[in-house]
Amino acid sequence: MWPVSDKLLLKSKDAAALLDISRTLLYQLTVTGEIGPKPYKLGRCSLWDPLELKAWVASGCPAREQWLRMRAAEKKDEENRN
């Protein structure tokens, strides 16, 4: 089994462990939009990108609306540089 940091996508248990919170709190914060990154849905399974979770924490854990604006601005800046 890969270490959490090597996985491409994390199940809720691993995403919660990465953030040092419970799975219940992870789901509550996801539903309320307090966690910026949205999970990917594969059937009934929610999966989180560990790199995006780490970037979100490094950015100060903004709420989803602000996080999405920040990511869009980063993407636009990157497109302008190319």
PDB file of N, CA and C in Angstrom:
ATOM      1  N   MET A   1       0.842  -1.189   0.000  1.00  0.00           N
ATOM      2  CA  MET A   1       0.000   0.000   0.000  1.00  0.00           C
ATOM      3  C   MET A   1       0.882   1.246   0.000  1.00  0.00           C
ATOM      4  N   TRP A   2       0.506   2.236  -0.785  1.00  0.00           N
ATOM      5  CA  TRP A   2       1.264   3.484  -0.871  1.00  0.00           C
ATOM      6  C   TRP A   2       1.083   4.311   0.388  1.00  0.00           C
ATOM      7  N   PRO A   3       2.120   5.063   0.777  1.00  0.00           N
ATOM      8  CA  PRO A   3       1.923   6.041   1.859  1.00  0.00           C
ATOM      9  C   PRO A   3       0.942   7.111   1.386  1.00  0.00           C
ATOM     10  N   VAL A   4       0.268   7.759   2.327  1.00  0.00           N
ATOM     11  CA  VAL A   4      -0.735   8.782   1.985  1.00  0.00           C
ATOM     12  C   VAL A   4      -0.169   9.810   1.021  1.00  0.00           C
ATOM     13  N   SER A   5       1.069  10.236   1.230  1.00  0.00           N
ATOM     14  CA  SER A   5       1.644  11.300   0.406  1.00  0.00           C
ATOM     15  C   SER A   5       1.900  10.870  -1.030  1.00  0.00           C
ATOM     16  N   ASP A   6       1.925   9.553  -1.303  1.00  0.00           N
ATOM     17  CA  ASP A   6       2.200   9.066  -2.649  1.00  0.00           C
ATOM     18  C   ASP A   6       0.945   8.765  -3.461  1.00  0.00           C
ATOM     19  N   LYS A   7      -0.207   8.801  -2.823  1.00  0.00           N
ATOM     20  CA  LYS A   7      -1.444   8.476  -3.520  1.00  0.00           C
ATOM     21  C   LYS A   7      -1.879   9.642  -4.389  1.00  0.00           C
ATOM     22  N   LEU A   8      -2.454   9.330  -5.546  1.00  0.00           N
ATOM     23  CA  LEU A   8      -2.946  10.373  -6.452  1.00  0.00           C
ATOM     24  C   LEU A   8      -4.227  10.997  -5.939  1.00  0.00           C
ATOM     25  N   LEU A   9      -5.104  10.190  -5.366  1.00  0.00           N
ATOM     26  CA  LEU A   9      -6.348  10.656  -4.768  1.00  0.00           C
ATOM     27  C   LEU A   9      -6.541   9.941  -3.444  1.00  0.00           C
ATOM     28  N   LEU A  10      -7.136  10.631  -2.486  1.00  0.00           N
ATOM     29  CA  LEU A  10      -7.314  10.085  -1.151  1.00  0.00           C
ATOM     30  C   LEU A  10      -8.779   9.811  -0.846  1.00  0.00           C
ATOM     31  N   LYS A  11      -9.032   8.659  -0.222  1.00  0.00           N
ATOM     32  CA  LYS A  11     -10.362   8.394   0.312  1.00  0.00           C
ATOM     33  C   LYS A  11     -10.556   9.287   1.525  1.00  0.00           C
ATOM     34  N   SER A  12     -11.786   9.374   1.984  1.00  0.00           N
ATOM     35  CA  SER A  12     -12.102  10.289   3.083  1.00  0.00           C
ATOM     36  C   SER A  12     -11.263  10.011   4.330  1.00  0.00           C
ATOM     37  N   LYS A  13     -11.018   8.754   4.634  1.00  0.00           N
ATOM     38  CA  LYS A  13     -10.218   8.406   5.818  1.00  0.00           C
ATOM     39  C   LYS A  13      -8.821   9.022   5.730  1.00  0.00           C
ATOM     40  N   ASP A  14      -8.186   8.902   4.563  1.00  0.00           N
ATOM     41  CA  ASP A  14      -6.831   9.422   4.376  1.00  0.00           C
ATOM     42  C   ASP A  14      -6.819  10.944   4.269  1.00  0.00           C
ATOM     43  N   ALA A  15      -7.831  11.514   3.612  1.00  0.00           N
ATOM     44  CA  ALA A  15      -7.912  12.977   3.511  1.00  0.00           C
ATOM     45  C   ALA A  15      -8.089  13.585   4.902  1.00  0.00           C
ATOM     46  N   ALA A  16      -8.933  12.969   5.718  1.00  0.00           N
ATOM     47  CA  ALA A  16      -9.143  13.452   7.081  1.00  0.00           C
ATOM     48  C   ALA A  16      -7.847  13.326   7.890  1.00  0.00           C
ATOM     49  N   ALA A  17      -7.145  12.207   7.727  1.00  0.00           N
ATOM     50  CA  ALA A  17      -5.879  12.011   8.442  1.00  0.00           C
ATOM     51  C   ALA A  17      -4.850  13.056   8.023  1.00  0.00           C
ATOM     52  N   LEU A  18      -4.797  13.373   6.734  1.00  0.00           N
ATOM     53  CA  LEU A  18      -3.866  14.377   6.240  1.00  0.00           C
ATOM     54  C   LEU A  18      -4.134  15.733   6.898  1.00  0.00           C
ATOM     55  N   LEU A  19      -5.407  16.047   7.104  1.00  0.00           N
ATOM     56  CA  LEU A  19      -5.796  17.323   7.716  1.00  0.00           C
ATOM     57  C   LEU A  19      -5.870  17.245   9.239  1.00  0.00           C
ATOM     58  N   ASP A  20      -5.668  16.057   9.782  1.00  0.00           N
ATOM     59  CA  ASP A  20      -5.726  15.814  11.233  1.00  0.00           C
ATOM     60  C   ASP A  20      -7.092  16.161  11.814  1.00  0.00           C
ATOM     61  N   ILE A  21      -8.144  15.724  11.095  1.00  0.00           N
ATOM     62  CA  ILE A  21      -9.522  15.893  11.556  1.00  0.00           C
ATOM     63  C   ILE A  21     -10.235  14.550  11.393  1.00  0.00           C
ATOM     64  N   SER A  22     -11.437  14.442  11.930  1.00  0.00           N
ATOM     65  CA  SER A  22     -12.212  13.212  11.777  1.00  0.00           C
ATOM     66  C   SER A  22     -12.883  13.178  10.404  1.00  0.00           C
ATOM     67  N   ARG A  23     -13.277  11.976   9.983  1.00  0.00           N
ATOM     68  CA  ARG A  23     -14.006  11.858   8.714  1.00  0.00           C
ATOM     69  C   ARG A  23     -15.335  12.605   8.797  1.00  0.00           C
ATOM     70  N   THR A  24     -15.976  12.544   9.954  1.00  0.00           N
ATOM     71  CA  THR A  24     -17.254  13.245  10.129  1.00  0.00           C
ATOM     72  C   THR A  24     -17.068  14.743   9.915  1.00  0.00           C
ATOM     73  N   LEU A  25     -16.026  15.309  10.520  1.00  0.00           N
ATOM     74  CA  LEU A  25     -15.768  16.740  10.357  1.00  0.00           C
ATOM     75  C   LEU A  25     -15.395  17.058   8.911  1.00  0.00           C
ATOM     76  N   LEU A  26     -14.638  16.188   8.267  1.00  0.00           N
ATOM     77  CA  LEU A  26     -14.288  16.386   6.849  1.00  0.00           C
ATOM     78  C   LEU A  26     -15.557  16.522   6.014  1.00  0.00           C
ATOM     79  N   TYR A  27     -16.507  15.607   6.207  1.00  0.00           N
ATOM     80  CA  TYR A  27     -17.753  15.672   5.443  1.00  0.00           C
ATOM     81  C   TYR A  27     -18.571  16.907   5.800  1.00  0.00           C
ATOM     82  N   GLN A  28     -18.631  17.260   7.084  1.00  0.00           N
ATOM     83  CA  GLN A  28     -19.380  18.451   7.490  1.00  0.00           C
ATOM     84  C   GLN A  28     -18.796  19.703   6.845  1.00  0.00           C
ATOM     85  N   LEU A  29     -17.480  19.832   6.883  1.00  0.00           N
ATOM     86  CA  LEU A  29     -16.831  21.016   6.309  1.00  0.00           C
ATOM     87  C   LEU A  29     -16.959  21.045   4.794  1.00  0.00           C
ATOM     88  N   THR A  30     -16.997  19.872   4.176  1.00  0.00           N
ATOM     89  CA  THR A  30     -17.176  19.802   2.725  1.00  0.00           C
ATOM     90  C   THR A  30     -18.575  20.260   2.341  1.00  0.00           C
ATOM     91  N   VAL A  31     -19.571  19.801   3.074  1.00  0.00           N
ATOM     92  CA  VAL A  31     -20.963  20.161   2.785  1.00  0.00           C
ATOM     93  C   VAL A  31     -21.195  21.653   2.985  1.00  0.00           C
ATOM     94  N   THR A  32     -20.609  22.236   4.018  1.00  0.00           N
ATOM     95  CA  THR A  32     -20.825  23.656   4.304  1.00  0.00           C
ATOM     96  C   THR A  32     -19.942  24.581   3.467  1.00  0.00           C
ATOM     97  N   GLY A  33     -18.974  24.009   2.738  1.00  0.00           N
ATOM     98  CA  GLY A  33     -18.101  24.831   1.902  1.00  0.00           C
ATOM     99  C   GLY A  33     -16.927  25.432   2.650  1.00  0.00           C
ATOM    100  N   GLU A  34     -16.687  24.963   3.869  1.00  0.00           N
ATOM    101  CA  GLU A  34     -15.561  25.484   4.641  1.00  0.00           C
ATOM    102  C   GLU A  34     -14.232  24.886   4.199  1.00  0.00           C
ATOM    103  N   ILE A  35     -14.280  23.725   3.565  1.00  0.00           N
ATOM    104  CA  ILE A  35     -13.070  23.156   2.960  1.00  0.00           C
ATOM    105  C   ILE A  35     -13.099  23.557   1.499  1.00  0.00           C
ATOM    106  N   GLY A  36     -12.052  24.237   1.057  1.00  0.00           N
ATOM    107  CA  GLY A  36     -12.007  24.762  -0.305  1.00  0.00           C
ATOM    108  C   GLY A  36     -12.053  23.711  -1.394  1.00  0.00           C
ATOM    109  N   PRO A  37     -11.130  22.739  -1.373  1.00  0.00           N
ATOM    110  CA  PRO A  37     -11.115  21.750  -2.445  1.00  0.00           C
ATOM    111  C   PRO A  37     -12.358  20.862  -2.430  1.00  0.00           C
ATOM    112  N   LYS A  38     -12.946  20.698  -3.585  1.00  0.00           N
ATOM    113  CA  LYS A  38     -14.087  19.796  -3.728  1.00  0.00           C
ATOM    114  C   LYS A  38     -13.563  18.393  -3.997  1.00  0.00           C
ATOM    115  N   PRO A  39     -14.234  17.386  -3.461  1.00  0.00           N
ATOM    116  CA  PRO A  39     -13.810  16.025  -3.760  1.00  0.00           C
ATOM    117  C   PRO A  39     -14.255  15.630  -5.173  1.00  0.00           C
ATOM    118  N   TYR A  40     -13.522  14.690  -5.754  1.00  0.00           N
ATOM    119  CA  TYR A  40     -13.932  14.071  -7.003  1.00  0.00           C
ATOM    120  C   TYR A  40     -14.884  12.948  -6.631  1.00  0.00           C
ATOM    121  N   LYS A  41     -15.908  12.720  -7.434  1.00  0.00           N
ATOM    122  CA  LYS A  41     -16.863  11.660  -7.154  1.00  0.00           C
ATOM    123  C   LYS A  41     -16.658  10.535  -8.170  1.00  0.00           C
ATOM    124  N   LEU A  42     -16.460   9.343  -7.661  1.00  0.00           N
ATOM    125  CA  LEU A  42     -16.389   8.130  -8.471  1.00  0.00           C
ATOM    126  C   LEU A  42     -17.464   7.206  -7.937  1.00  0.00           C
ATOM    127  N   GLY A  43     -18.593   7.182  -8.609  1.00  0.00           N
ATOM    128  CA  GLY A  43     -19.730   6.452  -8.074  1.00  0.00           C
ATOM    129  C   GLY A  43     -20.153   7.107  -6.775  1.00  0.00           C
ATOM    130  N   ARG A  44     -20.174   6.316  -5.698  1.00  0.00           N
ATOM    131  CA  ARG A  44     -20.549   6.848  -4.392  1.00  0.00           C
ATOM    132  C   ARG A  44     -19.335   7.272  -3.575  1.00  0.00           C
ATOM    133  N   CYS A  45     -18.159   7.089  -4.129  1.00  0.00           N
ATOM    134  CA  CYS A  45     -16.916   7.366  -3.409  1.00  0.00           C
ATOM    135  C   CYS A  45     -16.447   8.807  -3.652  1.00  0.00           C
ATOM    136  N   SER A  46     -16.123   9.511  -2.572  1.00  0.00           N
ATOM    137  CA  SER A  46     -15.549  10.857  -2.668  1.00  0.00           C
ATOM    138  C   SER A  46     -14.042  10.742  -2.501  1.00  0.00           C
ATOM    139  N   LEU A  47     -13.298  11.355  -3.406  1.00  0.00           N
ATOM    140  CA  LEU A  47     -11.835  11.297  -3.383  1.00  0.00           C
ATOM    141  C   LEU A  47     -11.266  12.708  -3.455  1.00  0.00           C
ATOM    142  N   TRP A  48     -10.239  12.970  -2.638  1.00  0.00           N
ATOM    143  CA  TRP A  48      -9.616  14.287  -2.584  1.00  0.00           C
ATOM    144  C   TRP A  48      -8.211  14.233  -3.155  1.00  0.00           C
ATOM    145  N   ASP A  49      -7.808  15.311  -3.803  1.00  0.00           N
ATOM    146  CA  ASP A  49      -6.457  15.458  -4.341  1.00  0.00           C
ATOM    147  C   ASP A  49      -5.542  15.925  -3.207  1.00  0.00           C
ATOM    148  N   PRO A  50      -4.554  15.110  -2.818  1.00  0.00           N
ATOM    149  CA  PRO A  50      -3.699  15.509  -1.686  1.00  0.00           C
ATOM    150  C   PRO A  50      -2.890  16.774  -1.966  1.00  0.00           C
ATOM    151  N   LEU A  51      -2.485  16.984  -3.208  1.00  0.00           N
ATOM    152  CA  LEU A  51      -1.722  18.194  -3.536  1.00  0.00           C
ATOM    153  C   LEU A  51      -2.593  19.436  -3.382  1.00  0.00           C
ATOM    154  N   GLU A  52      -3.866  19.310  -3.765  1.00  0.00           N
ATOM    155  CA  GLU A  52      -4.768  20.454  -3.618  1.00  0.00           C
ATOM    156  C   GLU A  52      -5.069  20.721  -2.139  1.00  0.00           C
ATOM    157  N   LEU A  53      -5.228  19.658  -1.354  1.00  0.00           N
ATOM    158  CA  LEU A  53      -5.451  19.844   0.081  1.00  0.00           C
ATOM    159  C   LEU A  53      -4.255  20.541   0.726  1.00  0.00           C
ATOM    160  N   LYS A  54      -3.042  20.132   0.346  1.00  0.00           N
ATOM    161  CA  LYS A  54      -1.836  20.756   0.904  1.00  0.00           C
ATOM    162  C   LYS A  54      -1.725  22.213   0.477  1.00  0.00           C
ATOM    163  N   ALA A  55      -2.051  22.508  -0.782  1.00  0.00           N
ATOM    164  CA  ALA A  55      -2.011  23.888  -1.271  1.00  0.00           C
ATOM    165  C   ALA A  55      -3.058  24.735  -0.552  1.00  0.00           C
ATOM    166  N   TRP A  56      -4.216  24.146  -0.286  1.00  0.00           N
ATOM    167  CA  TRP A  56      -5.285  24.838   0.428  1.00  0.00           C
ATOM    168  C   TRP A  56      -4.838  25.211   1.839  1.00  0.00           C
ATOM    169  N   VAL A  57      -4.207  24.267   2.533  1.00  0.00           N
ATOM    170  CA  VAL A  57      -3.707  24.534   3.885  1.00  0.00           C
ATOM    171  C   VAL A  57      -2.628  25.619   3.838  1.00  0.00           C
ATOM    172  N   ALA A  58      -1.713  25.518   2.861  1.00  0.00           N
ATOM    173  CA  ALA A  58      -0.638  26.506   2.732  1.00  0.00           C
ATOM    174  C   ALA A  58      -1.190  27.905   2.443  1.00  0.00           C
ATOM    175  N   SER A  59      -2.390  27.972   1.857  1.00  0.00           N
ATOM    176  CA  SER A  59      -3.024  29.260   1.547  1.00  0.00           C
ATOM    177  C   SER A  59      -3.844  29.811   2.710  1.00  0.00           C
ATOM    178  N   GLY A  60      -3.839  29.098   3.825  1.00  0.00           N
ATOM    179  CA  GLY A  60      -4.551  29.594   4.995  1.00  0.00           C
ATOM    180  C   GLY A  60      -5.945  29.024   5.186  1.00  0.00           C
ATOM    181  N   CYS A  61      -6.278  27.954   4.472  1.00  0.00           N
ATOM    182  CA  CYS A  61      -7.581  27.270   4.613  1.00  0.00           C
ATOM    183  C   CYS A  61      -8.782  28.169   4.311  1.00  0.00           C
ATOM    184  N   PRO A  62      -8.779  28.856   3.162  1.00  0.00           N
ATOM    185  CA  PRO A  62      -9.935  29.709   2.853  1.00  0.00           C
ATOM    186  C   PRO A  62     -11.179  28.871   2.557  1.00  0.00           C
ATOM    187  N   ALA A  63     -12.339  29.472   2.719  1.00  0.00           N
ATOM    188  CA  ALA A  63     -13.598  28.808   2.377  1.00  0.00           C
ATOM    189  C   ALA A  63     -13.626  28.534   0.877  1.00  0.00           C
ATOM    190  N   ARG A  64     -14.493  27.620   0.472  1.00  0.00           N
ATOM    191  CA  ARG A  64     -14.516  27.151  -0.918  1.00  0.00           C
ATOM    192  C   ARG A  64     -14.664  28.285  -1.931  1.00  0.00           C
ATOM    193  N   GLU A  65     -15.566  29.209  -1.690  1.00  0.00           N
ATOM    194  CA  GLU A  65     -15.794  30.292  -2.659  1.00  0.00           C
ATOM    195  C   GLU A  65     -14.502  31.077  -2.904  1.00  0.00           C
ATOM    196  N   GLN A  66     -13.822  31.431  -1.831  1.00  0.00           N
ATOM    197  CA  GLN A  66     -12.565  32.168  -1.966  1.00  0.00           C
ATOM    198  C   GLN A  66     -11.495  31.283  -2.588  1.00  0.00           C
ATOM    199  N   TRP A  67     -11.440  30.017  -2.202  1.00  0.00           N
ATOM    200  CA  TRP A  67     -10.459  29.074  -2.750  1.00  0.00           C
ATOM    201  C   TRP A  67     -10.620  28.944  -4.264  1.00  0.00           C
ATOM    202  N   LEU A  68     -11.838  28.809  -4.726  1.00  0.00           N
ATOM    203  CA  LEU A  68     -12.072  28.668  -6.163  1.00  0.00           C
ATOM    204  C   LEU A  68     -11.673  29.935  -6.916  1.00  0.00           C
ATOM    205  N   ARG A  69     -11.922  31.105  -6.309  1.00  0.00           N
ATOM    206  CA  ARG A  69     -11.479  32.366  -6.938  1.00  0.00           C
ATOM    207  C   ARG A  69      -9.955  32.408  -7.012  1.00  0.00           C
ATOM    208  N   MET A  70      -9.293  31.999  -5.934  1.00  0.00           N
ATOM    209  CA  MET A  70      -7.826  31.994  -5.909  1.00  0.00           C
ATOM    210  C   MET A  70      -7.268  31.065  -6.975  1.00  0.00           C
ATOM    211  N   ARG A  71      -7.844  29.872  -7.104  1.00  0.00           N
ATOM    212  CA  ARG A  71      -7.373  28.897  -8.088  1.00  0.00           C
ATOM    213  C   ARG A  71      -7.602  29.408  -9.511  1.00  0.00           C
ATOM    214  N   ALA A  72      -8.750  30.052  -9.734  1.00  0.00           N
ATOM    215  CA  ALA A  72      -9.050  30.599 -11.066  1.00  0.00           C
ATOM    216  C   ALA A  72      -8.049  31.696 -11.420  1.00  0.00           C
ATOM    217  N   ALA A  73      -7.715  32.545 -10.455  1.00  0.00           N
ATOM    218  CA  ALA A  73      -6.736  33.613 -10.697  1.00  0.00           C
ATOM    219  C   ALA A  73      -5.358  33.029 -10.990  1.00  0.00           C
ATOM    220  N   GLU A  74      -4.978  31.971 -10.270  1.00  0.00           N
ATOM    221  CA  GLU A  74      -3.692  31.314 -10.523  1.00  0.00           C
ATOM    222  C   GLU A  74      -3.653  30.730 -11.926  1.00  0.00           C
ATOM    223  N   LYS A  75      -4.757  30.103 -12.323  1.00  0.00           N
ATOM    224  CA  LYS A  75      -4.830  29.501 -13.658  1.00  0.00           C
ATOM    225  C   LYS A  75      -4.736  30.579 -14.738  1.00  0.00           C
ATOM    226  N   LYS A  76      -5.428  31.705 -14.509  1.00  0.00           N
ATOM    227  CA  LYS A  76      -5.401  32.804 -15.479  1.00  0.00           C
ATOM    228  C   LYS A  76      -3.985  33.379 -15.596  1.00  0.00           C
ATOM    229  N   ASP A  77      -3.311  33.561 -14.454  1.00  0.00           N
ATOM    230  CA  ASP A  77      -1.933  34.057 -14.462  1.00  0.00           C
ATOM    231  C   ASP A  77      -1.017  33.104 -15.223  1.00  0.00           C
ATOM    232  N   GLU A  78      -1.217  31.816 -15.023  1.00  0.00           N
ATOM    233  CA  GLU A  78      -0.388  30.809 -15.698  1.00  0.00           C
ATOM    234  C   GLU A  78      -0.626  30.859 -17.208  1.00  0.00           C
ATOM    235  N   GLU A  79      -1.873  31.020 -17.623  1.00  0.00           N
ATOM    236  CA  GLU A  79      -2.202  31.109 -19.050  1.00  0.00           C
ATOM    237  C   GLU A  79      -1.580  32.352 -19.669  1.00  0.00           C
ATOM    238  N   ASN A  80      -1.578  33.461 -18.927  1.00  0.00           N
ATOM    239  CA  ASN A  80      -1.008  34.704 -19.431  1.00  0.00           C
ATOM    240  C   ASN A  80       0.508  34.612 -19.591  1.00  0.00           C
ATOM    241  N   ARG A  81       1.146  33.806 -18.744  1.00  0.00           N
ATOM    242  CA  ARG A  81       2.609  33.632 -18.861  1.00  0.00           C
ATOM    243  C   ARG A  81       2.992  32.793 -20.065  1.00  0.00           C
ATOM    244  N   ASN A  82       2.066  31.949 -20.517  1.00  0.00           N
ATOM    245  CA  ASN A  82       2.367  31.069 -21.666  1.00  0.00           C
ATOM    246  C   ASN A  82       2.018  31.743 -22.921  1.00  0.00           C
TER     247      ASN A  82
END
